[in-house]
Amino acid sequence: MSKKVELSSEMDQNLSILLYKNGISIRSSAEIQGRSRNFIHRRSQFITSCERKKICTPLRERAGEEPLPVGHAITWSAIQIPPYVSRSGQNDDFPAFARAA
């Protein structure tokens, strides 16, 4: 029978530093923290989802967490965002790359 794990923000912070800032694998992080790989994987997914919620717009929060239906106003506004332009001034959008292939 497994032990109950005390979850804390300190543990989450250490995990995010190990995984995202130091680039350590889930397996290595599990060994360092003395937890199972499944636990570390589930916790990292939870941390990522919490971080994504912080950057959501109020409009997206009101729409809920379910995937948006086709043709929703938010998806149309995302389509209309101009393509990414790199610092070099080159337009590095994927469709242009795909058209060249």
Protein backbone atom coordinates (compact mmCIF):
# COMPACT_ATOMS: atom_id res chain seq x y z
CA MET A 1 0.00 0.00 0.00
CA SER A 2 1.36 3.39 -0.93
CA LYS A 3 1.94 6.22 1.51
CA LYS A 4 -0.06 9.42 1.35
CA VAL A 5 2.08 12.18 -0.12
CA GLU A 6 1.95 15.60 1.45
CA LEU A 7 1.64 18.05 -1.42
CA SER A 8 3.19 21.46 -0.97
CA SER A 9 3.94 24.47 -3.09
CA GLU A 10 7.62 24.05 -2.16
CA MET A 11 7.63 20.55 -3.67
CA ASP A 12 5.96 21.85 -6.83
CA GLN A 13 8.47 24.67 -7.09
CA ASN A 14 11.40 22.24 -6.71
CA LEU A 15 9.88 19.97 -9.33
CA SER A 16 9.36 22.77 -11.83
CA ILE A 17 12.97 23.93 -11.30
CA LEU A 18 14.27 20.41 -11.89
CA LEU A 19 12.15 19.73 -14.96
CA TYR A 20 11.85 23.07 -16.73
CA LYS A 21 14.85 25.16 -15.68
CA ASN A 22 17.47 22.45 -15.27
CA GLY A 23 16.08 20.19 -18.01
CA ILE A 24 16.24 17.02 -15.92
CA SER A 25 14.15 14.08 -17.12
CA ILE A 26 11.08 12.82 -15.30
CA ARG A 27 12.92 9.62 -14.39
CA SER A 28 15.89 11.49 -12.88
CA SER A 29 13.58 13.89 -11.07
CA ALA A 30 11.68 10.94 -9.58
CA GLU A 31 14.93 9.45 -8.29
CA ILE A 32 16.04 12.79 -6.80
CA GLN A 33 12.72 13.40 -5.03
CA GLY A 34 12.12 9.78 -4.04
CA ARG A 35 8.78 9.56 -5.84
CA SER A 36 7.45 7.38 -8.66
CA ARG A 37 7.75 8.45 -12.29
CA ASN A 38 3.95 8.38 -12.61
CA PHE A 39 3.58 10.75 -9.66
CA ILE A 40 6.17 13.17 -11.09
CA HIS A 41 4.52 13.03 -14.52
CA ARG A 42 1.02 13.71 -13.14
CA ARG A 43 2.32 16.51 -10.93
CA SER A 44 4.22 18.13 -13.81
CA GLN A 45 1.05 18.07 -15.92
CA PHE A 46 -0.83 19.73 -13.04
CA ILE A 47 1.86 22.42 -12.69
CA THR A 48 1.76 23.09 -16.44
CA SER A 49 -2.02 23.40 -16.46
CA CYS A 50 -1.88 25.86 -13.56
CA GLU A 51 0.72 27.95 -15.39
CA ARG A 52 -1.40 28.00 -18.55
CA LYS A 53 -4.43 29.17 -16.59
CA LYS A 54 -2.44 32.19 -15.38
CA ILE A 55 -1.92 33.44 -18.94
CA CYS A 56 -5.48 32.86 -20.19
CA THR A 57 -7.52 35.84 -21.20
CA PRO A 58 -10.75 36.52 -19.28
CA LEU A 59 -12.70 35.65 -22.44
CA ARG A 60 -11.10 32.20 -22.59
CA GLU A 61 -11.72 31.63 -18.87
CA ARG A 62 -15.42 32.38 -19.35
CA ALA A 63 -15.55 29.86 -22.21
CA GLY A 64 -14.54 27.07 -19.80
CA GLU A 65 -11.86 24.41 -19.90
CA GLU A 66 -13.43 22.23 -22.57
CA PRO A 67 -12.05 22.44 -26.12
CA LEU A 68 -13.66 25.23 -28.10
CA PRO A 69 -16.11 24.30 -30.86
CA VAL A 70 -15.23 24.95 -34.48
CA GLY A 71 -16.02 28.53 -35.48
CA HIS A 72 -15.95 29.92 -31.93
CA ALA A 73 -15.06 33.61 -31.77
CA ILE A 74 -11.88 32.92 -29.79
CA THR A 75 -10.61 30.46 -32.39
CA TRP A 76 -11.32 32.93 -35.20
CA SER A 77 -9.45 35.68 -33.38
CA ALA A 78 -6.49 33.31 -32.90
CA ILE A 79 -6.45 32.56 -36.63
CA GLN A 80 -6.26 36.28 -37.37
CA ILE A 81 -3.14 36.84 -35.21
CA PRO A 82 -0.27 37.82 -37.51
CA PRO A 83 2.39 35.16 -38.06
CA TYR A 84 5.51 35.07 -35.94
CA VAL A 85 8.39 37.22 -37.17
CA SER A 86 11.82 36.32 -35.84
CA ARG A 87 14.35 38.84 -34.59
CA SER A 88 16.17 38.65 -37.89
CA GLY A 89 13.06 39.96 -39.61
CA GLN A 90 12.44 36.69 -41.39
CA ASN A 91 8.87 35.43 -41.43
CA ASP A 92 9.25 31.96 -39.91
CA ASP A 93 5.64 30.84 -40.13
CA PHE A 94 5.01 27.16 -40.82
CA PRO A 95 2.62 27.56 -43.79
CA ALA A 96 5.31 29.36 -45.83
CA PHE A 97 7.74 26.57 -44.98
CA ALA A 98 5.14 23.98 -45.99
CA ARG A 99 4.42 25.76 -49.28
CA ALA A 100 8.10 25.69 -50.18
CA ALA A 101 8.28 21.91 -49.74
